[in-house]
Amino acid sequence: MDKSLAGIFTGEIERLATGFQFTEGPIWVPQAGSLLFSDIPANTIYRVTPGGKVSVFRYPSGNSNGLTLDLAGRFLACEHGNRRVSLTEADGSVKSLASHYQGKRLNSPNDIVVKSDGVIYFTDPPYGISPEQAELGFQGVYRLKPGGEPELLVDYMEGPNGLAFSPDERVLYIGDSIEHHIRRFEVTAEGTLSGGEVFASVKADLPGAADGMKVDAEGRLFSTGQGGVWVFEPSGDLIVRLDMPEVTANCAFGGTDGCDFYMTATTSVYIVRTAAPGATCARK
């Protein structure tokens, strides 16, 4: 391990599994002790154990991208193909939570997070549809209250993609994969967003884009970007970039102590150890 990575990453990068088409949306499932991730073109959600054993979790997946769990541990998915956010109940039944905004079909929901009050936030760029399929005319960031309809929060970003809350949930970071930067929004007491200034750039004239992101218990932001995974202080200062052998689309903390850092990178899933656990892992 490069000395410049010391204090953030504490081990070598390992390729856990490979042979996929385009991996995305990793989420650690504590109840199962394993990681779920999407292979978008393969229309499949896979499960992989820490030992590298791979199995099919769901096929077809609606060409799912971002995945997460709600407060009850139920499975949420952003489905490109079905242009919706879905919920999988404990009995395995799947229902649509959001597919339209003001009567028009969503573009292709991309990434998703759940706030500690149970409210869902998701991004909706057009990457899963052709231009003639778009009905909205903008790329939105939404929140979704339990049982409610999507509420538009941001409509001016070129390519809203990954998103992550700060540990105290007063800040929501949103990556823009077209502009190769990350914006920082203040979360109001009502759960809406204000601000939106550029927090950091992840541009390096290398393959990749601002995509998935997570925050550790110390408030540091881990974001995929050009070249690999970029790690920033809450101030926006760059700490280090973890160079990856494949274009990296998303990431997730997991493992028994929350310090396993999983990265979905094109054909593979990688893992590396971190010094601090993920913010949501530390709360559990």
Protein backbone atom coordinates (compact mmCIF):
# COMPACT_ATOMS: atom_id res chain seq x y z
CA MET A 1 0.00 0.00 0.00
CA ASP A 2 1.30 3.43 -0.99
CA LYS A 3 2.26 5.49 2.06
CA SER A 4 0.15 8.36 0.72
CA LEU A 5 -2.94 6.22 1.33
CA ALA A 6 -2.08 5.59 4.98
CA GLY A 7 -4.77 6.70 7.38
CA ILE A 8 -7.55 6.14 4.82
CA PHE A 9 -6.92 2.73 3.28
CA THR A 10 -5.16 0.10 5.37
CA GLY A 11 -4.67 -2.81 2.98
CA GLU A 12 -4.16 -3.78 -0.62
CA ILE A 13 -6.90 -3.70 -3.23
CA GLU A 14 -8.26 -7.18 -3.98
CA ARG A 15 -10.46 -8.22 -6.88
CA LEU A 16 -13.30 -10.11 -5.24
CA ALA A 17 -15.21 -11.20 -8.36
CA THR A 18 -15.07 -10.57 -12.11
CA GLY A 19 -16.58 -11.52 -15.45
CA PHE A 20 -19.49 -9.07 -15.47
CA GLN A 21 -20.61 -6.53 -18.09
CA PHE A 22 -20.97 -3.28 -16.09
CA THR A 23 -21.21 -3.40 -12.31
CA GLU A 24 -23.00 -0.77 -10.24
CA GLY A 25 -25.01 -0.02 -7.12
CA PRO A 26 -23.28 -2.04 -4.35
CA ILE A 27 -25.03 -2.34 -1.00
CA TRP A 28 -23.94 -4.37 2.02
CA VAL A 29 -26.76 -6.44 3.52
CA PRO A 30 -25.95 -7.07 7.20
CA GLN A 31 -28.67 -9.71 7.65
CA ALA A 32 -27.13 -11.83 4.89
CA GLY A 33 -23.49 -10.93 5.51
CA SER A 34 -22.96 -10.28 1.82
CA LEU A 35 -22.94 -7.62 -0.87
CA LEU A 36 -25.60 -7.06 -3.53
CA PHE A 37 -24.71 -5.25 -6.74
CA SER A 38 -26.20 -4.57 -10.15
CA ASP A 39 -24.94 -5.64 -13.54
CA ILE A 40 -26.96 -3.19 -15.63
CA PRO A 41 -26.58 -4.65 -19.16
CA ALA A 42 -27.00 -8.20 -17.82
CA ASN A 43 -30.33 -7.19 -16.24
CA THR A 44 -29.22 -8.97 -13.08
CA ILE A 45 -28.60 -8.28 -9.40
CA TYR A 46 -25.86 -10.49 -7.97
CA ARG A 47 -24.88 -11.42 -4.44
CA VAL A 48 -21.23 -11.87 -3.51
CA THR A 49 -19.88 -13.10 -0.18
CA PRO A 50 -16.67 -11.78 1.44
CA GLY A 51 -15.07 -15.00 0.21
CA GLY A 52 -15.94 -14.21 -3.40
CA LYS A 53 -18.81 -16.66 -3.95
CA VAL A 54 -21.23 -15.19 -6.52
CA SER A 55 -24.90 -16.06 -6.98
CA VAL A 56 -27.88 -14.50 -8.76
CA PHE A 57 -30.13 -12.52 -6.43
CA ARG A 58 -32.63 -11.35 -9.06
CA TYR A 59 -33.16 -11.78 -12.78
CA PRO A 60 -34.57 -9.82 -14.47
CA SER A 61 -33.73 -6.75 -12.41
CA GLY A 62 -35.30 -4.02 -14.53
CA ASN A 63 -31.70 -3.12 -15.49
CA SER A 64 -31.22 -1.89 -11.94
CA ASN A 65 -28.51 0.60 -11.02
CA GLY A 66 -28.39 2.08 -7.51
CA LEU A 67 -29.47 -0.14 -4.61
CA THR A 68 -30.04 0.46 -0.91
CA LEU A 69 -32.04 -0.69 2.11
CA ASP A 70 -34.84 1.17 3.86
CA LEU A 71 -35.09 1.49 7.64
CA ALA A 72 -36.85 -1.87 7.89
CA GLY A 73 -34.10 -3.58 5.91
CA ARG A 74 -36.23 -3.90 2.78
CA PHE A 75 -34.57 -3.70 -0.60
CA LEU A 76 -34.85 -0.56 -2.77
CA ALA A 77 -33.70 -0.38 -6.39
CA CYS A 78 -33.39 2.26 -9.09
CA GLU A 79 -34.49 0.45 -12.25
CA HIS A 80 -33.28 1.90 -15.55
CA GLY A 81 -35.32 -0.42 -17.72
CA ASN A 82 -38.58 0.07 -15.83
CA ARG A 83 -37.85 3.76 -15.18
CA ARG A 84 -38.86 3.50 -11.55
CA VAL A 85 -37.84 3.15 -7.92
CA SER A 86 -38.99 -0.20 -6.57
CA LEU A 87 -39.38 -1.78 -3.13
CA THR A 88 -39.03 -5.48 -2.40
CA GLU A 89 -41.17 -6.57 0.54
CA ALA A 90 -40.06 -9.17 3.07
CA ASP A 91 -42.13 -11.80 1.24
CA GLY A 92 -40.26 -11.11 -2.00
CA SER A 93 -43.03 -9.20 -3.75
CA VAL A 94 -41.91 -6.12 -5.68
CA LYS A 95 -43.87 -2.89 -5.98
CA SER A 96 -43.24 0.46 -7.64
CA LEU A 97 -42.68 3.43 -5.32
CA ALA A 98 -42.08 6.08 -7.99
CA SER A 99 -42.34 5.98 -11.78
CA HIS A 100 -43.81 9.39 -12.72
CA TYR A 101 -43.48 13.05 -11.80
CA GLN A 102 -46.56 15.22 -12.40
CA GLY A 103 -47.94 12.64 -14.80
CA LYS A 104 -44.76 12.24 -16.85
CA ARG A 105 -42.48 9.22 -16.76
CA LEU A 106 -39.21 9.54 -14.91
CA ASN A 107 -36.03 9.38 -16.99
CA SER A 108 -34.12 6.44 -15.49
CA PRO A 109 -33.63 6.57 -11.70
CA ASN A 110 -29.94 6.13 -10.99
CA ASP A 111 -28.87 6.29 -7.35
CA ILE A 112 -30.71 6.31 -4.05
CA VAL A 113 -30.23 6.99 -0.32
CA VAL A 114 -32.54 6.82 2.68
CA LYS A 115 -32.47 9.44 5.43
CA SER A 116 -32.84 8.37 9.06
CA ASP A 117 -36.45 9.57 9.04
CA GLY A 118 -37.27 7.08 6.28
CA VAL A 119 -37.48 9.60 3.44
CA ILE A 120 -35.92 8.48 0.14
CA TYR A 121 -33.76 10.72 -2.05
CA PHE A 122 -32.92 9.70 -5.61
CA THR A 123 -31.38 11.05 -8.81
CA ASP A 124 -32.93 10.76 -12.26
CA PRO A 125 -30.53 11.33 -15.19
CA PRO A 126 -31.36 9.99 -18.69
CA TYR A 127 -28.66 7.34 -19.01
CA GLY A 128 -31.08 4.42 -19.34
CA ILE A 129 -33.25 5.91 -22.10
CA SER A 130 -32.90 7.33 -25.59
CA PRO A 131 -33.48 11.09 -26.12
CA GLU A 132 -36.85 10.53 -27.76
CA GLN A 133 -38.08 8.63 -24.70
CA ALA A 134 -37.52 11.57 -22.33
CA GLU A 135 -40.74 13.19 -21.12
CA LEU A 136 -39.53 15.62 -18.46
CA GLY A 137 -36.96 17.81 -20.22
CA PHE A 138 -34.64 18.01 -17.19
CA GLN A 139 -32.52 15.79 -14.95
CA GLY A 140 -33.96 15.83 -11.45
CA VAL A 141 -33.10 15.09 -7.85
CA TYR A 142 -36.16 14.04 -5.85
CA ARG A 143 -37.27 13.11 -2.39
CA LEU A 144 -39.98 10.56 -1.72
CA LYS A 145 -41.85 10.42 1.55
CA PRO A 146 -43.43 7.12 2.61
CA GLY A 147 -46.63 6.67 0.64
CA GLY A 148 -46.12 9.94 -1.24
CA GLU A 149 -45.30 11.18 -4.72
CA PRO A 150 -41.82 12.32 -5.84
CA GLU A 151 -41.03 15.91 -4.90
CA LEU A 152 -38.56 17.70 -7.17
CA LEU A 153 -35.67 19.27 -5.23
CA VAL A 154 -33.10 20.12 -7.94
CA ASP A 155 -33.62 20.47 -11.69
CA TYR A 156 -30.53 22.31 -12.97
CA MET A 157 -27.75 19.73 -12.77
CA GLU A 158 -26.43 18.36 -16.08
CA GLY A 159 -26.04 14.78 -14.91
CA PRO A 160 -27.08 14.17 -11.27
CA ASN A 161 -25.81 10.78 -10.26
CA GLY A 162 -24.43 9.52 -6.93
CA LEU A 163 -25.52 11.00 -3.61
CA ALA A 164 -24.60 10.64 0.06
CA PHE A 165 -25.49 12.30 3.36
CA SER A 166 -22.95 13.62 5.83
CA PRO A 167 -22.96 11.71 9.13
CA ASP A 168 -25.27 14.29 10.77
CA GLU A 169 -27.46 14.45 7.63
CA ARG A 170 -27.17 18.22 7.46
CA VAL A 171 -25.41 17.98 4.09
CA LEU A 172 -26.30 16.04 0.95
CA TYR A 173 -23.52 15.56 -1.61
CA ILE A 174 -24.58 14.98 -5.22
CA GLY A 175 -22.22 14.07 -8.02
CA ASP A 176 -22.61 15.40 -11.55
CA SER A 177 -21.21 12.86 -14.01
CA ILE A 178 -21.34 15.29 -16.94
CA GLU A 179 -19.52 18.13 -15.17
CA HIS A 180 -17.15 15.80 -13.25
CA HIS A 181 -17.80 17.57 -9.97
CA ILE A 182 -19.68 17.18 -6.70
CA ARG A 183 -22.16 19.70 -5.32
CA ARG A 184 -22.84 20.31 -1.63
CA PHE A 185 -26.40 20.99 -0.50
CA GLU A 186 -27.61 22.01 2.94
CA VAL A 187 -30.52 19.88 4.14
CA THR A 188 -33.19 22.08 5.72
CA ALA A 189 -35.23 21.13 8.77
CA GLU A 190 -38.09 20.28 6.39
CA GLY A 191 -35.85 17.96 4.36
CA THR A 192 -35.55 20.15 1.28
CA LEU A 193 -32.23 21.35 -0.14
CA SER A 194 -30.52 24.73 -0.30
CA GLY A 195 -27.15 25.92 -1.54
CA GLY A 196 -25.67 23.59 -4.11
CA GLU A 197 -22.23 25.11 -4.56
CA VAL A 198 -19.50 23.01 -6.17
CA PHE A 199 -17.77 21.09 -3.39
CA ALA A 200 -15.00 19.36 -5.32
CA SER A 201 -13.86 18.26 -8.78
CA VAL A 202 -13.03 14.66 -9.70
CA LYS A 203 -11.62 15.48 -13.13
CA ALA A 204 -8.17 14.16 -14.10
CA ASP A 205 -8.17 13.55 -17.88
CA LEU A 206 -8.58 9.83 -17.19
CA PRO A 207 -11.47 7.40 -17.75
CA GLY A 208 -14.38 7.64 -15.32
CA ALA A 209 -16.84 10.16 -13.95
CA ALA A 210 -18.39 11.51 -10.76
CA ASP A 211 -20.72 8.66 -9.93
CA GLY A 212 -21.36 6.70 -6.74
CA MET A 213 -20.23 7.99 -3.36
CA LYS A 214 -20.26 7.21 0.34
CA VAL A 215 -19.25 8.98 3.56
CA ASP A 216 -17.28 7.46 6.43
CA ALA A 217 -17.88 7.98 10.15
CA GLU A 218 -15.33 10.81 10.18
CA GLY A 219 -17.30 12.72 7.55
CA ARG A 220 -14.86 12.08 4.72
CA LEU A 221 -16.44 11.72 1.28
CA PHE A 222 -15.41 8.80 -0.93
CA SER A 223 -16.45 9.42 -4.54
CA THR A 224 -15.76 7.62 -7.76
CA GLY A 225 -14.26 9.89 -10.39
CA GLN A 226 -11.80 9.95 -13.23
CA GLY A 227 -8.99 7.54 -12.43
CA GLY A 228 -10.52 5.83 -9.40
CA VAL A 229 -11.89 6.75 -5.97
CA TRP A 230 -11.30 10.26 -4.63
CA VAL A 231 -11.39 10.94 -0.89
CA PHE A 232 -12.17 14.43 0.44
CA GLU A 233 -12.23 16.10 3.84
CA PRO A 234 -15.58 17.71 4.80
CA SER A 235 -13.88 21.00 3.87
CA GLY A 236 -13.56 19.83 0.26
CA ASP A 237 -9.79 19.36 0.42
CA LEU A 238 -8.57 16.30 -1.44
CA ILE A 239 -6.88 13.74 0.77
CA VAL A 240 -5.96 11.07 -1.76
CA ARG A 241 -7.04 9.33 -4.94
CA LEU A 242 -7.11 5.55 -4.99
CA ASP A 243 -6.10 4.60 -8.54
CA MET A 244 -8.12 1.69 -9.89
CA PRO A 245 -7.37 -0.82 -12.67
CA GLU A 246 -10.89 -0.43 -14.14
CA VAL A 247 -13.33 2.46 -14.44
CA THR A 248 -15.07 2.56 -11.07
CA ALA A 249 -18.76 3.40 -10.95
CA ASN A 250 -19.83 3.02 -7.33
CA CYS A 251 -18.80 2.02 -3.82
CA ALA A 252 -20.12 0.85 -0.47
CA PHE A 253 -18.90 0.23 3.07
CA GLY A 254 -19.67 -3.13 4.65
CA GLY A 255 -18.35 -6.11 6.54
CA THR A 256 -18.75 -6.95 10.20
CA ASP A 257 -17.01 -3.75 11.33
CA GLY A 258 -18.06 -1.47 8.46
CA CYS A 259 -14.46 -1.05 7.27
CA ASP A 260 -14.63 -3.21 4.17
CA PHE A 261 -14.86 -0.86 1.19
CA TYR A 262 -16.38 -2.41 -1.91
CA MET A 263 -16.03 -0.90 -5.38
CA THR A 264 -17.97 -1.86 -8.49
CA ALA A 265 -15.65 -1.29 -11.46
CA THR A 266 -16.80 -2.22 -14.96
CA THR A 267 -16.31 -6.02 -15.12
CA SER A 268 -15.38 -6.58 -11.48
CA VAL A 269 -16.01 -6.00 -7.78
CA TYR A 270 -13.03 -4.95 -5.66
CA ILE A 271 -12.48 -4.66 -1.92
CA VAL A 272 -10.02 -2.73 0.23
CA ARG A 273 -9.89 -2.09 3.98
CA THR A 274 -10.42 1.41 5.42
CA ALA A 275 -9.30 2.97 8.67
CA ALA A 276 -12.81 4.16 9.61
CA PRO A 277 -16.20 2.53 9.05
CA GLY A 278 -18.92 3.92 6.83
CA ALA A 279 -21.16 6.51 8.44
CA THR A 280 -24.30 4.39 8.25
CA CYS A 281 -22.40 1.30 9.41
CA ALA A 282 -21.19 3.17 12.49
CA ARG A 283 -24.75 4.11 13.45
CA LYS A 284 -25.94 0.48 13.52
